[in-house]
Structure formats: structure tokens, C-alpha cells
Amino acid sequence: MAKRGKRQKRGRSGSAKKPLAALAGGSPAELLGEASRLFAAARYTDVRALAESALASTAGASASEAAAAHDLVELRYVLATSLVQLGDYGAARAEIACIRESAPAHPGAALQEIYIEKAEGRTRTELKHLAALISYLEERLAEEPPAPLAAYYRKFLAESYSLRGSALTLAGSAAAGVRSFLAASRMEADEAQAVAEYSNALFALNYVAVEERAPFAGLAEGFDGFFSAAERMTHTRARHAHARLRIGYISPDLRRHAVAFFLLPLLRAFDRERFEVFCYANNSEDAVSRTMAQQPGVHWTNILGLLPEEAARLVAADEIDILCDLSGHTKDNCLAVLARKPAPVQITGLGYMGSTGLSAIDYLLGDRVLDAAEEAEDAAAERCR
């Protein structure tokens, strides 16, 4: 989260004012690094305690010195972002105002204000401010700044495009939302996030009227390209010669969620003489998760936080015969795991209403209405069943 800035000027020898390097807990750069690490670990309350204590100790620093210290501005930005995550929007707005005193055009301050507007349901205002922020960032990039600063602007621009995609889809302009998500995917430097933004585009496409989808023909198949370099696992008949067929369910929604309530009856009633069931939860667990995990004959594994290739190896080690994806292009989906083909037969359905576009998935669980729609669009990589 660090921003390029002017080098901090040193105070005169013998000054009574407190040097920035003497802040409680370390130098501004050290504090910024620690706050960033805490934020990445979702320890927002700890970020607040650290940053508020450190920033309070700047009261004795000269105004010009504090304004020039970009590390302190960025520390305040990490604090504002944490406060937004904690839902303390009043305190977050106060920090945003302080940031703007030192850096009026700080893109992160604008972005956090937009997140607050999103949380408060002020979609029109959110879209207005997103348009202004995107225009500003595009203008800065057009100036061809040094690579580190360009990367900084692109990071905020990708996030802004994503927010605009969500807002436009919510406002009933789903086609424009799809385009915005695709722009976010192209702009993203982080590969996993680029994949997530493309998933967002495909999810939003479900809200575009069928007669307006022509410009997006082939979009689902394009998703497969993200995994062209992913090594697919191989399977032999001998390795899968089990006395009972092994069925795996993988999802980020094996918790208090509609998908879990659809799945729970299956976990209670499956024929334990013919089938062995494995669940792979890509989510934090709650009481519903525990109820599912405690069903007789169910093998439960939590894969939250694992890399896709690590999760795929776990699935393969369990020698799953049929792996069922229950999330499609919904939030925190597991498609990157299925792209590595950890099971010889892979199915998607139940938690999503369309094709994933992933060639590693063999079947789409549907019905007459869904199957007809997929065949009409000729967009399914999976075979409808």
C-alpha cells in the first residue's frame, strides 16, 4: 500500500520537536509495514490500535514534516481502510479527511469513501465518485509515470473498475457491469484477482437480457484461458477401483447458506453401502458446517487458505471418483481447483445457474429450462445433464 512520495526532510539538530523516526513502535516505514501485514491477515482491530497510537505521537511533529512523510499518510490510509472493514464509518471519514489535508488527490482516500457509500446503499453517489476517480487515474496513467507509480495507479484503477461493475449491475445496467469487470480483470496485476474479476463478469452476464448478449459471445470459454498453463492430474482405472464410489462436494458455501441447506439432505440420506462422501469447505465454519461434518460416513476437509494446487492435491489423494462443484462463478469459488482436474469426472451445479466455461468440468447439472438456454447460446463447455 505504500505510495511513492517525496523524501522526508530531516529536522534541525537540537530541535525540540519529535522526529518522525522516534514514533512509538518504530519508524514510519516500519509501522506502515507492520500495519500492512496486520491488514493482510484481516486483523483490523490490531491495525487500529497500532496506527492510532503511532499517529497520536505525531502531535509534536512539525506540520510541514508530517505532511511530507508519505509513510504516515499511507499508515493513515491503512487505518481508514481497517475502519471501513470494521464498519466504523464515522472514524473512517475522519481519517480520510486527515489524509486529504496532506494529499488531496490520494486515490485510496477516494476509494474508501466509495466503499462507505456502497455499504450505505448510495449507489448513485457511488457511481458518480467512481467515474471521477477512474477518470483521474486514467489521466495519471496517460502521463506515463515511473513504473512503481504506474503500478500504484493501476492497482486502484482495477479496484475502481470492479466496484463500478458491482454498482452498475445492481443499478440494472448489467451489460455495462460486465464490461467494467472485464476492464478490472485486464488491469489487475494479481493473477488470482484477475481470475476473480473475470468470474464476476460471467456472474453479471446472467443479468443481461438474452437478446443483448451477442457482444459477449464466447466469454465463458475465455475463462478457460486463465488455466492453460495449469497441469492437469491424470487418473487410471486401477487407482479408482473402489468398492464404493467416492463422491466429493467442493464449495465456499458449506456453512449457513442456501447451498448448504440443499446439500444437507443429501449428506443425511445417501446410500452408505454404495457411496463414500467427501466434503471440501472453502469457508470459515459455523454450526451448519459442523452439522454437515458430523453426518455419518462424511469425510470433511477444510481447504480455506490453501493454494488451488494444494487443494487439488488433497482431492486427488482422496481418490475422488466424481467431484461436484457447488459454486460456479459465485464468490470465493473453487474453479481454480477443478481446473487442475483432481478427479476423473467433474460436475458443476446446484450453487450456480450456468456454464463455467471450464473445459476441465465434464457435466453441468441442469433441468429442461437451463439446458435449453445453454444449448441456444451454444456456450456450455460442460455437457448438460
Protein backbone atom coordinates (compact mmCIF):
# COMPACT_ATOMS: atom_id res chain seq x y z
CA MET A 1 0.00 0.00 0.00
CA ALA A 2 3.00 2.28 0.05
CA LYS A 3 2.87 5.26 -2.28
CA ARG A 4 5.76 6.99 -3.96
CA GLY A 5 6.42 10.31 -2.28
CA LYS A 6 8.96 12.99 -1.64
CA ARG A 7 11.86 12.10 0.59
CA GLN A 8 11.32 13.18 4.15
CA LYS A 9 13.32 16.24 5.23
CA ARG A 10 15.36 15.92 8.39
CA GLY A 11 14.78 18.26 11.28
CA ARG A 12 17.50 20.56 12.56
CA SER A 13 19.84 19.27 15.20
CA GLY A 14 18.65 20.06 18.71
CA SER A 15 15.04 20.70 17.68
CA ALA A 16 12.54 20.23 20.46
CA LYS A 17 10.05 18.75 18.03
CA LYS A 18 9.73 14.96 17.97
CA PRO A 19 11.41 13.36 14.92
CA LEU A 20 9.16 11.05 12.92
CA ALA A 21 11.64 8.18 13.30
CA ALA A 22 11.04 8.30 17.06
CA LEU A 23 7.36 7.39 16.83
CA ALA A 24 6.18 4.74 19.28
CA GLY A 25 6.89 1.29 17.91
CA GLY A 26 9.42 2.20 15.23
CA SER A 27 9.94 4.44 12.23
CA PRO A 28 7.01 5.39 9.96
CA ALA A 29 8.20 2.88 7.37
CA GLU A 30 8.37 0.10 9.96
CA LEU A 31 4.96 0.97 11.34
CA LEU A 32 3.49 1.06 7.85
CA GLY A 33 4.96 -2.35 7.11
CA GLU A 34 3.59 -3.84 10.31
CA ALA A 35 0.14 -2.28 9.77
CA SER A 36 0.07 -3.64 6.22
CA ARG A 37 0.93 -7.13 7.46
CA LEU A 38 -1.81 -6.98 10.10
CA PHE A 39 -4.30 -5.76 7.49
CA ALA A 40 -3.40 -8.61 5.12
CA ALA A 41 -4.15 -11.02 8.00
CA ALA A 42 -7.56 -9.32 8.50
CA ARG A 43 -6.52 -8.14 11.97
CA TYR A 44 -8.29 -4.83 11.61
CA THR A 45 -8.67 -4.14 15.33
CA ASP A 46 -4.91 -4.58 15.78
CA VAL A 47 -4.27 -2.20 12.88
CA ARG A 48 -6.47 0.35 14.60
CA ALA A 49 -4.63 0.06 17.91
CA LEU A 50 -1.20 0.28 16.26
CA ALA A 51 -1.98 3.13 13.88
CA GLU A 52 -3.96 5.29 16.29
CA SER A 53 -1.18 5.04 18.88
CA ALA A 54 1.52 5.86 16.32
CA LEU A 55 -0.39 8.74 14.73
CA ALA A 56 -1.18 10.24 18.12
CA SER A 57 2.55 10.51 18.74
CA THR A 58 2.93 12.82 15.70
CA ALA A 59 1.23 15.65 17.55
CA GLY A 60 4.62 17.08 18.49
CA ALA A 61 5.98 16.91 14.92
CA SER A 62 6.01 19.99 12.74
CA ALA A 63 3.11 20.28 10.31
CA SER A 64 5.39 20.53 7.28
CA GLU A 65 7.35 17.45 8.28
CA ALA A 66 4.22 15.37 8.91
CA ALA A 67 2.66 16.48 5.62
CA ALA A 68 5.76 15.45 3.67
CA ALA A 69 6.02 11.98 5.26
CA HIS A 70 4.22 9.76 2.77
CA ASP A 71 4.66 6.76 5.05
CA LEU A 72 2.46 8.43 7.66
CA VAL A 73 -0.14 9.30 5.02
CA GLU A 74 -0.14 5.66 3.94
CA LEU A 75 -0.33 4.49 7.55
CA ARG A 76 -3.41 6.64 7.98
CA TYR A 77 -4.79 5.12 4.77
CA VAL A 78 -4.32 1.59 6.14
CA LEU A 79 -6.10 2.76 9.30
CA ALA A 80 -9.00 4.24 7.30
CA THR A 81 -9.30 1.01 5.29
CA SER A 82 -9.37 -1.05 8.50
CA LEU A 83 -12.03 1.20 9.99
CA VAL A 84 -14.17 0.68 6.88
CA GLN A 85 -13.75 -3.09 7.30
CA LEU A 86 -14.80 -2.74 10.95
CA GLY A 87 -17.88 -0.73 9.93
CA ASP A 88 -16.84 2.37 11.87
CA TYR A 89 -17.62 4.77 9.05
CA GLY A 90 -17.56 7.91 11.17
CA ALA A 91 -13.99 7.27 12.30
CA ALA A 92 -13.03 6.22 8.76
CA ARG A 93 -14.34 9.51 7.34
CA ALA A 94 -12.32 11.43 9.92
CA GLU A 95 -9.14 9.64 8.79
CA ILE A 96 -10.00 10.23 5.13
CA ALA A 97 -10.32 13.96 5.89
CA CYS A 98 -6.89 13.93 7.55
CA ILE A 99 -5.36 12.17 4.54
CA ARG A 100 -6.77 14.81 2.22
CA GLU A 101 -5.19 17.58 4.26
CA SER A 102 -1.79 16.17 3.31
CA ALA A 103 -2.64 14.51 -0.03
CA PRO A 104 -5.84 15.99 -1.50
CA ALA A 105 -5.82 13.67 -4.53
CA HIS A 106 -4.95 10.46 -2.68
CA PRO A 107 -6.79 7.73 -4.68
CA GLY A 108 -7.05 5.42 -1.70
CA ALA A 109 -8.91 8.04 0.33
CA ALA A 110 -11.40 8.45 -2.52
CA LEU A 111 -11.76 4.70 -2.83
CA GLN A 112 -12.51 4.16 0.86
CA GLU A 113 -15.12 6.90 0.75
CA ILE A 114 -16.71 4.99 -2.14
CA TYR A 115 -16.70 1.77 -0.10
CA ILE A 116 -18.61 3.62 2.61
CA GLU A 117 -21.15 4.84 0.05
CA LYS A 118 -21.50 1.27 -1.21
CA ALA A 119 -22.12 -0.01 2.32
CA GLU A 120 -24.71 2.70 2.89
CA GLY A 121 -26.53 1.81 -0.33
CA ARG A 122 -25.92 5.18 -2.01
CA THR A 123 -25.39 3.68 -5.46
CA ARG A 124 -25.90 6.86 -7.49
CA THR A 125 -23.34 8.75 -5.42
CA GLU A 126 -21.01 5.77 -5.57
CA LEU A 127 -21.19 5.68 -9.38
CA LYS A 128 -20.62 9.44 -9.60
CA HIS A 129 -17.50 9.29 -7.45
CA LEU A 130 -16.24 6.17 -9.22
CA ALA A 131 -16.47 7.96 -12.57
CA ALA A 132 -14.40 10.84 -11.19
CA LEU A 133 -11.79 8.54 -9.63
CA ILE A 134 -11.45 6.38 -12.75
CA SER A 135 -11.03 9.49 -14.90
CA TYR A 136 -8.34 10.83 -12.56
CA LEU A 137 -6.41 7.54 -12.52
CA GLU A 138 -6.61 7.12 -16.29
CA GLU A 139 -5.25 10.66 -16.73
CA ARG A 140 -2.35 9.91 -14.41
CA LEU A 141 -1.51 6.72 -16.29
CA ALA A 142 -1.68 8.58 -19.61
CA GLU A 143 1.18 10.74 -18.32
CA GLU A 144 3.38 7.59 -18.33
CA PRO A 145 4.65 7.88 -14.75
CA PRO A 146 7.58 5.78 -13.45
CA ALA A 147 6.81 2.06 -13.21
CA PRO A 148 6.25 1.92 -9.41
CA LEU A 149 3.83 4.83 -9.52
CA ALA A 150 2.08 3.40 -12.58
CA ALA A 151 1.60 0.11 -10.74
CA TYR A 152 0.18 2.05 -7.78
CA TYR A 153 -2.36 3.82 -10.01
CA ARG A 154 -3.26 0.59 -11.84
CA LYS A 155 -3.97 -1.14 -8.54
CA PHE A 156 -6.53 1.47 -7.57
CA LEU A 157 -7.92 1.63 -11.11
CA ALA A 158 -8.55 -2.13 -11.20
CA GLU A 159 -10.36 -1.96 -7.86
CA SER A 160 -12.39 1.02 -9.05
CA TYR A 161 -13.48 -0.81 -12.21
CA SER A 162 -14.56 -3.76 -10.07
CA LEU A 163 -16.62 -1.55 -7.76
CA ARG A 164 -18.21 0.10 -10.78
CA GLY A 165 -19.07 -3.33 -12.18
CA SER A 166 -20.93 -4.21 -8.99
CA ALA A 167 -22.72 -0.87 -8.81
CA LEU A 168 -23.78 -0.91 -12.45
CA THR A 169 -25.11 -4.45 -12.17
CA LEU A 170 -27.03 -3.51 -9.03
CA ALA A 171 -28.41 -0.43 -10.80
CA GLY A 172 -29.79 -2.53 -13.65
CA SER A 173 -27.03 -1.86 -16.20
CA ALA A 174 -25.63 -5.37 -16.19
CA ALA A 175 -24.06 -5.21 -19.66
CA ALA A 176 -22.03 -2.17 -18.61
CA GLY A 177 -21.23 -4.00 -15.39
CA VAL A 178 -19.81 -6.94 -17.36
CA ARG A 179 -17.57 -4.58 -19.34
CA SER A 180 -16.35 -2.93 -16.17
CA PHE A 181 -15.49 -6.26 -14.54
CA LEU A 182 -13.59 -7.26 -17.67
CA ALA A 183 -11.67 -3.97 -17.53
CA ALA A 184 -10.79 -4.77 -13.90
CA SER A 185 -9.59 -8.23 -14.92
CA ARG A 186 -7.33 -6.80 -17.64
CA MET A 187 -5.94 -4.16 -15.30
CA GLU A 188 -5.21 -6.50 -12.37
CA ALA A 189 -1.56 -7.31 -11.72
CA ASP A 190 -2.51 -10.11 -9.31
CA GLU A 191 -3.36 -13.21 -11.34
CA ALA A 192 -5.79 -14.69 -8.80
CA GLN A 193 -7.68 -11.41 -8.60
CA ALA A 194 -7.75 -11.13 -12.40
CA VAL A 195 -9.43 -14.55 -12.46
CA ALA A 196 -11.90 -13.41 -9.78
CA GLU A 197 -12.83 -10.30 -11.77
CA TYR A 198 -13.45 -12.40 -14.90
CA SER A 199 -15.68 -14.63 -12.76
CA ASN A 200 -17.52 -11.50 -11.64
CA ALA A 201 -18.09 -10.61 -15.30
CA LEU A 202 -19.53 -14.04 -16.05
CA PHE A 203 -21.75 -13.87 -12.98
CA ALA A 204 -23.05 -10.43 -14.02
CA LEU A 205 -23.71 -11.77 -17.53
CA ASN A 206 -26.59 -13.79 -16.07
CA TYR A 207 -28.41 -10.49 -15.51
CA VAL A 208 -28.03 -9.34 -19.13
CA ALA A 209 -31.09 -9.95 -21.31
CA VAL A 210 -30.53 -12.84 -23.74
CA GLU A 211 -31.10 -10.57 -26.76
CA GLU A 212 -28.32 -8.25 -25.51
CA ARG A 213 -25.66 -10.93 -25.04
CA ALA A 214 -24.28 -11.04 -28.60
CA PRO A 215 -21.27 -8.78 -27.75
CA PHE A 216 -20.28 -11.28 -25.07
CA ALA A 217 -20.33 -14.42 -27.22
CA GLY A 218 -17.57 -16.78 -26.19
CA LEU A 219 -16.99 -15.02 -22.87
CA ALA A 220 -17.43 -18.19 -20.83
CA GLU A 221 -14.91 -20.10 -22.93
CA GLY A 222 -12.44 -17.27 -22.40
CA PHE A 223 -12.31 -18.18 -18.72
CA ASP A 224 -10.56 -21.43 -19.62
CA GLY A 225 -7.58 -19.47 -20.93
CA PHE A 226 -6.55 -18.45 -17.42
CA PHE A 227 -5.64 -22.07 -16.73
CA SER A 228 -3.91 -23.03 -19.97
CA ALA A 229 -0.63 -23.49 -18.09
CA ALA A 230 -2.16 -25.38 -15.16
CA GLU A 231 -1.05 -29.01 -15.13
CA ARG A 232 -3.99 -31.40 -15.11
CA MET A 233 -3.81 -34.52 -13.00
CA THR A 234 -4.03 -37.92 -14.65
CA HIS A 235 -6.19 -40.80 -13.48
CA THR A 236 -6.10 -44.54 -14.03
CA ARG A 237 -8.88 -47.09 -13.79
CA ALA A 238 -6.85 -49.10 -11.27
CA ARG A 239 -6.47 -46.13 -8.95
CA HIS A 240 -10.23 -45.56 -8.90
CA ALA A 241 -11.34 -49.18 -8.49
CA HIS A 242 -13.10 -48.55 -5.18
CA ALA A 243 -15.68 -50.83 -3.59
CA ARG A 244 -17.82 -47.72 -3.03
CA LEU A 245 -17.99 -44.78 -5.44
CA ARG A 246 -16.26 -41.75 -3.93
CA ILE A 247 -18.24 -38.52 -4.35
CA GLY A 248 -16.69 -35.15 -3.48
CA TYR A 249 -18.50 -31.86 -2.91
CA ILE A 250 -16.43 -28.67 -3.06
CA SER A 251 -17.75 -25.21 -2.23
CA PRO A 252 -17.17 -21.96 -0.30
CA ASP A 253 -20.75 -22.24 0.99
CA LEU A 254 -20.66 -25.24 3.29
CA ARG A 255 -21.94 -23.01 6.08
CA ARG A 256 -25.15 -21.12 6.84
CA HIS A 257 -26.03 -20.65 3.19
CA ALA A 258 -28.71 -21.81 0.75
CA VAL A 259 -26.28 -24.23 -0.91
CA ALA A 260 -25.61 -25.96 2.41
CA PHE A 261 -29.33 -26.38 3.06
CA PHE A 262 -29.73 -28.01 -0.36
CA LEU A 263 -26.78 -30.31 0.29
CA LEU A 264 -27.52 -31.32 3.88
CA PRO A 265 -30.40 -33.70 2.97
CA LEU A 266 -28.07 -35.46 0.50
CA LEU A 267 -25.47 -35.93 3.23
CA ARG A 268 -28.11 -37.39 5.54
CA ALA A 269 -29.74 -39.76 3.07
CA PHE A 270 -27.06 -41.10 0.69
CA ASP A 271 -26.63 -44.86 0.39
CA ARG A 272 -23.61 -45.59 2.56
CA GLU A 273 -23.22 -49.09 1.18
CA ARG A 274 -22.69 -47.79 -2.36
CA PHE A 275 -21.11 -44.37 -1.87
CA GLU A 276 -18.42 -42.66 0.18
CA VAL A 277 -18.79 -38.87 0.52
CA PHE A 278 -16.07 -36.22 0.94
CA CYS A 279 -16.71 -32.51 1.54
CA TYR A 280 -14.17 -29.76 0.85
CA ALA A 281 -15.11 -26.49 2.54
CA ASN A 282 -13.50 -23.31 1.29
CA ASN A 283 -15.00 -21.25 4.09
CA SER A 284 -14.89 -20.46 7.78
CA GLU A 285 -17.02 -22.96 9.65
CA ASP A 286 -20.15 -22.40 11.71
CA ALA A 287 -22.84 -24.55 13.34
CA VAL A 288 -24.22 -25.61 9.95
CA SER A 289 -20.73 -26.67 8.86
CA ARG A 290 -20.34 -28.75 11.99
CA THR A 291 -23.73 -30.40 11.43
CA MET A 292 -22.69 -31.37 7.92
CA ALA A 293 -19.27 -32.61 9.02
CA GLN A 294 -20.82 -34.81 11.73
CA GLN A 295 -23.06 -36.75 9.36
CA PRO A 296 -22.19 -40.48 9.45
CA GLY A 297 -19.90 -41.52 6.61
CA VAL A 298 -18.95 -37.96 5.60
CA HIS A 299 -15.23 -37.12 5.34
CA TRP A 300 -14.71 -33.40 5.98
CA THR A 301 -11.72 -31.29 4.92
CA ASN A 302 -11.39 -27.53 5.22
CA ILE A 303 -9.34 -26.07 2.35
CA LEU A 304 -9.71 -22.38 3.25
CA GLY A 305 -6.42 -20.58 2.70
CA LEU A 306 -4.84 -23.31 0.58
CA LEU A 307 -3.46 -22.57 -2.89
CA PRO A 308 -5.53 -24.16 -5.69
CA GLU A 309 -2.79 -26.67 -6.46
CA GLU A 310 -2.58 -27.65 -2.77
CA ALA A 311 -6.32 -28.20 -2.54
CA ALA A 312 -6.26 -30.17 -5.81
CA ARG A 313 -3.58 -32.47 -4.41
CA LEU A 314 -5.74 -33.15 -1.33
CA VAL A 315 -8.71 -34.07 -3.51
CA ALA A 316 -6.55 -36.29 -5.70
CA ALA A 317 -5.05 -38.01 -2.64
CA ASP A 318 -8.60 -38.95 -1.55
CA GLU A 319 -9.03 -40.64 -4.94
CA ILE A 320 -12.35 -38.92 -5.59
CA ASP A 321 -14.25 -40.52 -8.48
CA ILE A 322 -16.77 -37.72 -9.10
CA LEU A 323 -16.12 -34.16 -7.89
CA CYS A 324 -19.14 -31.87 -7.67
CA ASP A 325 -18.60 -28.10 -7.81
CA LEU A 326 -21.36 -26.26 -5.96
CA SER A 327 -20.38 -22.63 -6.58
CA GLY A 328 -19.68 -21.91 -10.26
CA HIS A 329 -18.77 -18.24 -10.64
CA THR A 330 -20.04 -17.14 -7.24
CA LYS A 331 -17.87 -15.53 -4.57
CA ASP A 332 -14.78 -17.42 -3.38
CA ASN A 333 -15.44 -20.22 -5.87
CA CYS A 334 -13.16 -23.24 -6.28
CA LEU A 335 -12.89 -23.32 -10.08
CA ALA A 336 -9.10 -22.90 -9.94
CA VAL A 337 -9.01 -26.21 -8.07
CA LEU A 338 -11.18 -28.01 -10.62
CA ALA A 339 -9.07 -26.58 -13.45
CA ARG A 340 -6.34 -28.98 -12.34
CA LYS A 341 -8.68 -31.98 -12.82
CA PRO A 342 -8.20 -33.61 -9.39
CA ALA A 343 -10.99 -36.10 -10.19
CA PRO A 344 -11.63 -38.06 -13.42
CA VAL A 345 -15.25 -36.88 -13.62
CA GLN A 346 -16.23 -33.34 -12.59
CA ILE A 347 -19.69 -31.82 -12.39
CA THR A 348 -20.94 -28.28 -11.68
CA GLY A 349 -24.39 -27.41 -10.45
CA LEU A 350 -26.70 -26.58 -7.55
CA GLY A 351 -25.00 -23.34 -6.49
CA TYR A 352 -24.81 -21.68 -9.92
CA MET A 353 -27.17 -21.46 -12.86
CA GLY A 354 -24.93 -21.71 -15.92
CA SER A 355 -21.79 -22.88 -17.63
CA THR A 356 -18.45 -22.18 -16.01
CA GLY A 357 -16.62 -22.24 -19.35
CA LEU A 358 -14.04 -24.53 -17.78
CA SER A 359 -13.09 -27.42 -20.06
CA ALA A 360 -11.92 -29.48 -17.07
CA ILE A 361 -15.56 -29.77 -15.97
CA ASP A 362 -17.39 -32.55 -17.77
CA TYR A 363 -21.03 -32.05 -16.90
CA LEU A 364 -23.48 -29.31 -15.95
CA LEU A 365 -26.31 -30.42 -13.68
CA GLY A 366 -29.41 -28.69 -15.02
CA ASP A 367 -33.03 -29.01 -16.00
CA ARG A 368 -35.13 -28.50 -19.13
CA VAL A 369 -35.11 -24.71 -18.83
CA LEU A 370 -31.41 -24.34 -18.05
CA ASP A 371 -30.36 -26.92 -20.65
CA ALA A 372 -32.41 -25.21 -23.36
CA ALA A 373 -30.85 -21.84 -22.55
CA GLU A 374 -27.33 -23.25 -22.65
CA GLU A 375 -27.94 -25.04 -25.96
CA ALA A 376 -29.48 -21.91 -27.51
CA GLU A 377 -26.41 -19.85 -26.61
CA ASP A 378 -24.03 -22.67 -27.58
CA ALA A 379 -21.84 -21.56 -24.69
CA ALA A 380 -21.51 -24.59 -22.47
CA ALA A 381 -18.10 -26.17 -22.14
CA GLU A 382 -19.79 -28.79 -19.96
CA ARG A 383 -22.34 -31.28 -21.25
CA CYS A 384 -25.79 -30.62 -19.82
CA ARG A 385 -27.38 -33.45 -17.88
